Amino acid sequence: MPAVLTTDHPAWLETADDTGRVRAVATASGYWGLSWDRDGLHMTCLHGVEDMKPTVVSTDPGCLPDTVPAALRAGLENLGPTRRVANPSLWDAITTAVLRQVVRAGQARKLYRTWCSTYGTTIDSPYGPLTIAPAPEQVLALDEDQFTAVGAKFHRSALQAAATCYEECAAGWRRMEAKELAAALTSVPRIGTWTASAAAADYTGDFSVYPHDDLAVRTWAAQIAPDHSWPDKKDKAFGPMWTGAAGPDRTALHTLTLSTLTWGSHAR
């Protein structure tokens, strides 16, 4: 069974014929164009050198433990193996997580794309023009009206605080493992546990640190296994139940969470 691409990150764009997806990413050594079609994932260095190729994280729901609810496990096994590109840019991962604060997924996706196309860097690619999020120094140079113009007024203080801290701490942050990074990012004003964990998971590719009681996880789990007795949306028991179902194996927790999010992206 061919792997399914995880397209949770809002940078993934549909191709004109809707048969594939394309995206640009920034690494430490240049810009890359990514494309996904029936033949799989393709990576092309568009600018700079190929020293830092993006990393691909694979999951196989068929390896999930029996402690995962049977209906959920069956739905994810039906999805099959998945592949996700770990975000090679920590700054973009932070930006994406901040822009998801207090807005619905569809609105956050639109906001991210508008933010990048308005203030970011546009790169020519074989798939057409693709955009990268504005760098920290660019974010710090924007005034309040410019944030308001793209619908990011609420996110201004968080993005600018993150940009300031990033310029001071990025070198150390990039060397951290997922759990340590998630904890470190909470030191940034207006970045709480949810935002920090989402950014760390996106950057490292380790979804064992993702905020497991996130609305997306709850929503897709309930749709995959509608007859299972899930905790109410306001019930804080969901997180412990989710991690308990995966057991002590962090790889199982990563697989369970990322596969569920992939199911949601794929179903949508």
Protein backbone atom coordinates (compact mmCIF):
# COMPACT_ATOMS: atom_id res chain seq x y z
CA MET A 1 0.00 0.00 0.00
CA PRO A 2 1.50 3.42 -0.97
CA ALA A 3 2.09 5.88 1.86
CA VAL A 4 -0.24 8.82 2.44
CA LEU A 5 1.22 12.31 2.69
CA THR A 6 0.46 14.27 5.85
CA THR A 7 -0.67 17.73 4.75
CA ASP A 8 -1.47 19.27 8.13
CA HIS A 9 0.93 22.17 7.54
CA PRO A 10 -0.84 25.09 5.79
CA ALA A 11 2.03 25.61 3.34
CA TRP A 12 0.90 22.57 1.31
CA LEU A 13 -1.03 23.77 -1.75
CA GLU A 14 -3.18 21.74 -4.09
CA THR A 15 -1.97 21.43 -7.68
CA ALA A 16 -4.16 22.88 -10.42
CA ASP A 17 -5.57 19.46 -11.30
CA ASP A 18 -5.90 18.50 -7.61
CA THR A 19 -3.83 15.34 -8.12
CA GLY A 20 -0.92 16.41 -5.92
CA ARG A 21 0.47 18.89 -3.42
CA VAL A 22 3.36 21.39 -3.52
CA ARG A 23 5.19 23.41 -0.91
CA ALA A 24 8.38 25.41 -0.34
CA VAL A 25 10.52 25.08 2.80
CA ALA A 26 13.55 26.95 4.10
CA THR A 27 16.51 25.00 5.42
CA ALA A 28 19.77 26.30 6.90
CA SER A 29 21.40 26.12 3.47
CA GLY A 30 18.67 27.17 1.04
CA TYR A 31 15.12 26.87 -0.22
CA TRP A 32 13.57 23.59 -1.36
CA GLY A 33 10.52 22.85 -3.44
CA LEU A 34 8.53 19.78 -2.42
CA SER A 35 5.94 18.01 -4.51
CA TRP A 36 3.78 14.95 -3.97
CA ASP A 37 2.08 12.98 -6.72
CA ARG A 38 1.22 9.40 -7.59
CA ASP A 39 4.93 8.60 -7.76
CA GLY A 40 5.60 9.83 -4.23
CA LEU A 41 7.51 12.73 -2.69
CA HIS A 42 10.00 14.79 -4.72
CA MET A 43 12.46 17.36 -3.36
CA THR A 44 14.29 19.97 -5.42
CA CYS A 45 16.80 22.53 -4.13
CA LEU A 46 15.61 25.84 -5.61
CA HIS A 47 18.15 28.20 -4.10
CA GLY A 48 21.35 27.72 -2.13
CA VAL A 49 23.08 24.39 -1.67
CA GLU A 50 21.77 20.89 -0.97
CA ASP A 51 23.67 20.41 2.31
CA MET A 52 20.51 20.38 4.46
CA LYS A 53 17.86 18.21 2.86
CA PRO A 54 14.43 18.16 4.58
CA THR A 55 13.75 15.12 6.75
CA VAL A 56 10.81 12.82 6.12
CA VAL A 57 9.10 11.10 9.06
CA SER A 58 7.25 7.85 8.35
CA THR A 59 4.60 6.13 10.47
CA ASP A 60 2.88 2.76 10.22
CA PRO A 61 -0.43 2.47 12.09
CA GLY A 62 -0.21 -1.29 11.62
CA CYS A 63 2.34 -1.29 14.45
CA LEU A 64 0.03 0.33 17.01
CA PRO A 65 -0.43 -1.64 20.26
CA ASP A 66 -3.61 -3.50 21.17
CA THR A 67 -4.26 -0.94 23.91
CA VAL A 68 -5.48 1.49 21.22
CA PRO A 69 -9.29 1.23 20.87
CA ALA A 70 -10.02 -1.42 18.24
CA ALA A 71 -12.18 0.77 15.98
CA LEU A 72 -9.63 3.58 16.03
CA ARG A 73 -6.78 1.21 15.28
CA ALA A 74 -8.75 -0.36 12.43
CA GLY A 75 -9.47 3.02 10.86
CA LEU A 76 -5.85 4.07 11.04
CA GLU A 77 -4.66 0.71 9.68
CA ASN A 78 -7.01 1.28 6.75
CA LEU A 79 -5.29 4.63 6.15
CA GLY A 80 -1.98 2.79 5.96
CA PRO A 81 1.61 4.07 6.20
CA THR A 82 2.04 7.83 6.25
CA ARG A 83 4.84 10.27 5.48
CA ARG A 84 5.34 13.78 6.82
CA VAL A 85 8.04 16.34 6.08
CA ALA A 86 9.46 17.64 9.35
CA ASN A 87 9.55 21.42 9.10
CA PRO A 88 13.24 22.29 8.59
CA SER A 89 12.61 25.87 9.72
CA LEU A 90 12.05 26.30 13.45
CA TRP A 91 11.00 29.88 12.82
CA ASP A 92 8.29 28.78 10.40
CA ALA A 93 7.13 26.14 12.89
CA ILE A 94 6.77 28.81 15.58
CA THR A 95 5.04 31.19 13.16
CA THR A 96 2.57 28.50 12.10
CA ALA A 97 1.72 27.55 15.68
CA VAL A 98 1.23 31.19 16.73
CA LEU A 99 -1.08 31.90 13.78
CA ARG A 100 -3.22 28.94 14.86
CA GLN A 101 -3.99 30.57 18.20
CA VAL A 102 -7.74 31.13 18.87
CA VAL A 103 -8.80 30.54 15.24
CA ARG A 104 -10.30 27.54 13.49
CA ALA A 105 -8.11 25.35 11.30
CA GLY A 106 -9.50 26.62 8.00
CA GLN A 107 -9.10 30.25 9.06
CA ALA A 108 -5.56 29.60 10.32
CA ARG A 109 -4.65 28.01 6.99
CA LYS A 110 -5.92 31.03 5.08
CA LEU A 111 -4.22 33.45 7.49
CA TYR A 112 -0.87 31.67 7.19
CA ARG A 113 -0.97 31.75 3.40
CA THR A 114 -1.96 35.42 3.31
CA TRP A 115 0.78 36.25 5.84
CA CYS A 116 3.43 34.52 3.72
CA SER A 117 2.29 35.90 0.36
CA THR A 118 2.03 39.46 1.71
CA TYR A 119 5.19 39.80 3.82
CA GLY A 120 7.25 36.67 3.12
CA THR A 121 9.65 35.62 0.37
CA THR A 122 8.35 34.43 -3.00
CA ILE A 123 10.39 31.73 -4.71
CA ASP A 124 10.12 30.63 -8.33
CA SER A 125 9.71 26.88 -8.66
CA PRO A 126 8.79 24.30 -11.31
CA TYR A 127 5.35 24.31 -9.65
CA GLY A 128 4.85 28.06 -9.90
CA PRO A 129 5.59 30.77 -7.29
CA LEU A 130 5.75 29.52 -3.70
CA THR A 131 6.12 31.62 -0.56
CA ILE A 132 8.09 31.36 2.69
CA ALA A 133 7.09 33.03 5.96
CA PRO A 134 8.73 36.40 6.70
CA ALA A 135 11.94 36.15 8.74
CA PRO A 136 12.11 37.39 12.36
CA GLU A 137 13.75 40.69 11.39
CA GLN A 138 10.99 41.32 8.85
CA VAL A 139 8.30 40.63 11.46
CA LEU A 140 9.90 43.07 13.89
CA ALA A 141 9.86 45.78 11.21
CA LEU A 142 6.08 45.54 10.63
CA ASP A 143 3.75 48.05 12.28
CA GLU A 144 0.36 47.39 13.80
CA ASP A 145 -1.53 48.43 10.66
CA GLN A 146 0.37 45.86 8.60
CA PHE A 147 -0.63 43.09 10.99
CA THR A 148 -4.22 44.30 10.92
CA ALA A 149 -4.26 44.40 7.11
CA VAL A 150 -3.82 40.63 6.86
CA GLY A 151 -6.00 39.72 9.83
CA ALA A 152 -3.13 39.07 12.26
CA LYS A 153 -3.68 41.93 14.71
CA PHE A 154 -4.37 39.50 17.56
CA HIS A 155 -1.13 37.64 16.83
CA ARG A 156 1.14 40.69 16.61
CA SER A 157 2.50 40.70 20.16
CA ALA A 158 3.12 36.95 20.16
CA LEU A 159 4.88 36.97 16.77
CA GLN A 160 7.05 39.95 17.66
CA ALA A 161 7.93 38.53 21.07
CA ALA A 162 8.81 35.24 19.37
CA ALA A 163 10.93 37.05 16.78
CA THR A 164 12.89 38.86 19.49
CA CYS A 165 13.49 35.67 21.47
CA TYR A 166 14.31 33.70 18.33
CA GLU A 167 17.15 36.02 17.41
CA GLU A 168 18.65 35.48 20.86
CA CYS A 169 17.92 31.79 21.45
CA ALA A 170 17.50 30.03 18.09
CA ALA A 171 20.94 28.42 18.02
CA GLY A 172 20.30 26.67 21.32
CA TRP A 173 16.69 25.81 20.51
CA ARG A 174 17.62 24.07 17.28
CA ARG A 175 19.89 21.64 19.16
CA MET A 176 17.14 20.51 21.54
CA GLU A 177 15.10 17.32 21.46
CA ALA A 178 11.34 17.70 21.06
CA LYS A 179 10.33 17.60 24.73
CA GLU A 180 13.06 20.02 25.81
CA LEU A 181 12.25 22.37 22.93
CA ALA A 182 8.54 22.44 23.81
CA ALA A 183 9.41 23.42 27.37
CA ALA A 184 11.90 26.09 26.23
CA LEU A 185 9.43 27.78 23.88
CA THR A 186 7.01 28.46 26.73
CA SER A 187 9.48 31.09 27.97
CA VAL A 188 8.39 33.32 25.08
CA PRO A 189 5.64 35.79 26.09
CA ARG A 190 2.20 34.72 24.80
CA ILE A 191 3.41 31.25 23.84
CA GLY A 192 1.74 28.71 26.05
CA THR A 193 2.03 24.95 26.27
CA TRP A 194 -0.25 24.24 23.29
CA THR A 195 1.59 26.57 20.90
CA ALA A 196 5.02 25.44 22.10
CA SER A 197 4.17 21.75 21.77
CA ALA A 198 2.67 22.17 18.30
CA ALA A 199 5.75 24.07 17.11
CA ALA A 200 8.15 21.52 18.59
CA ALA A 201 6.29 18.62 16.97
CA ASP A 202 6.24 20.36 13.58
CA TYR A 203 9.97 21.14 13.70
CA THR A 204 11.33 17.88 15.12
CA GLY A 205 8.77 15.60 13.48
CA ASP A 206 8.16 13.98 16.88
CA PHE A 207 4.42 14.00 17.53
CA SER A 208 4.75 12.33 20.90
CA VAL A 209 5.00 15.92 22.21
CA TYR A 210 2.02 17.26 20.27
CA PRO A 211 -0.83 18.63 22.45
CA HIS A 212 -2.85 15.41 22.48
CA ASP A 213 -6.10 16.94 23.72
CA ASP A 214 -6.09 19.31 20.74
CA LEU A 215 -9.51 19.76 19.12
CA ALA A 216 -8.24 18.29 15.85
CA VAL A 217 -7.12 15.07 17.54
CA ARG A 218 -10.43 14.79 19.40
CA THR A 219 -12.47 15.51 16.26
CA TRP A 220 -10.74 13.04 13.96
CA ALA A 221 -10.62 10.30 16.60
CA ALA A 222 -14.37 10.63 17.11
CA GLN A 223 -14.97 10.48 13.36
CA ILE A 224 -12.74 7.43 12.89
CA ALA A 225 -14.39 5.55 15.77
CA PRO A 226 -17.81 7.18 16.33
CA ASP A 227 -19.12 4.36 18.51
CA HIS A 228 -16.27 4.55 20.99
CA SER A 229 -17.00 6.24 24.33
CA TRP A 230 -14.82 9.35 23.99
CA PRO A 231 -14.66 11.96 26.78
CA ASP A 232 -16.69 15.12 26.25
CA LYS A 233 -14.83 17.97 24.53
CA LYS A 234 -14.58 19.86 27.81
CA ASP A 235 -13.49 16.77 29.73
CA LYS A 236 -9.80 16.88 30.60
CA ALA A 237 -9.69 13.08 30.67
CA PHE A 238 -9.04 12.89 26.92
CA GLY A 239 -5.30 13.64 27.13
CA PRO A 240 -4.50 10.99 29.77
CA MET A 241 -6.75 8.50 27.97
CA TRP A 242 -4.93 9.13 24.68
CA THR A 243 -1.43 8.77 26.10
CA GLY A 244 -2.55 5.74 28.10
CA ALA A 245 -3.86 4.03 24.97
CA ALA A 246 -0.44 4.40 23.36
CA GLY A 247 1.29 2.92 26.40
CA PRO A 248 4.82 3.78 27.52
CA ASP A 249 6.31 3.64 24.02
CA ARG A 250 6.86 7.21 22.76
CA THR A 251 7.00 5.91 19.17
CA ALA A 252 3.51 4.46 19.58
CA LEU A 253 2.22 7.80 20.91
CA HIS A 254 3.88 9.59 17.98
CA THR A 255 2.33 7.14 15.50
CA LEU A 256 -1.13 7.28 17.06
CA THR A 257 -1.22 11.08 17.10
CA LEU A 258 0.33 11.76 13.72
CA SER A 259 -1.68 9.05 11.96
CA THR A 260 -4.90 10.50 13.41
CA LEU A 261 -4.01 14.00 12.22
CA THR A 262 -3.08 12.57 8.81
CA TRP A 263 -6.44 10.78 8.61
CA GLY A 264 -8.08 14.16 9.19
CA SER A 265 -6.08 15.90 6.47
CA HIS A 266 -6.62 13.00 4.08
CA ALA A 267 -10.35 12.80 4.75
CA ARG A 268 -10.75 16.54 4.28
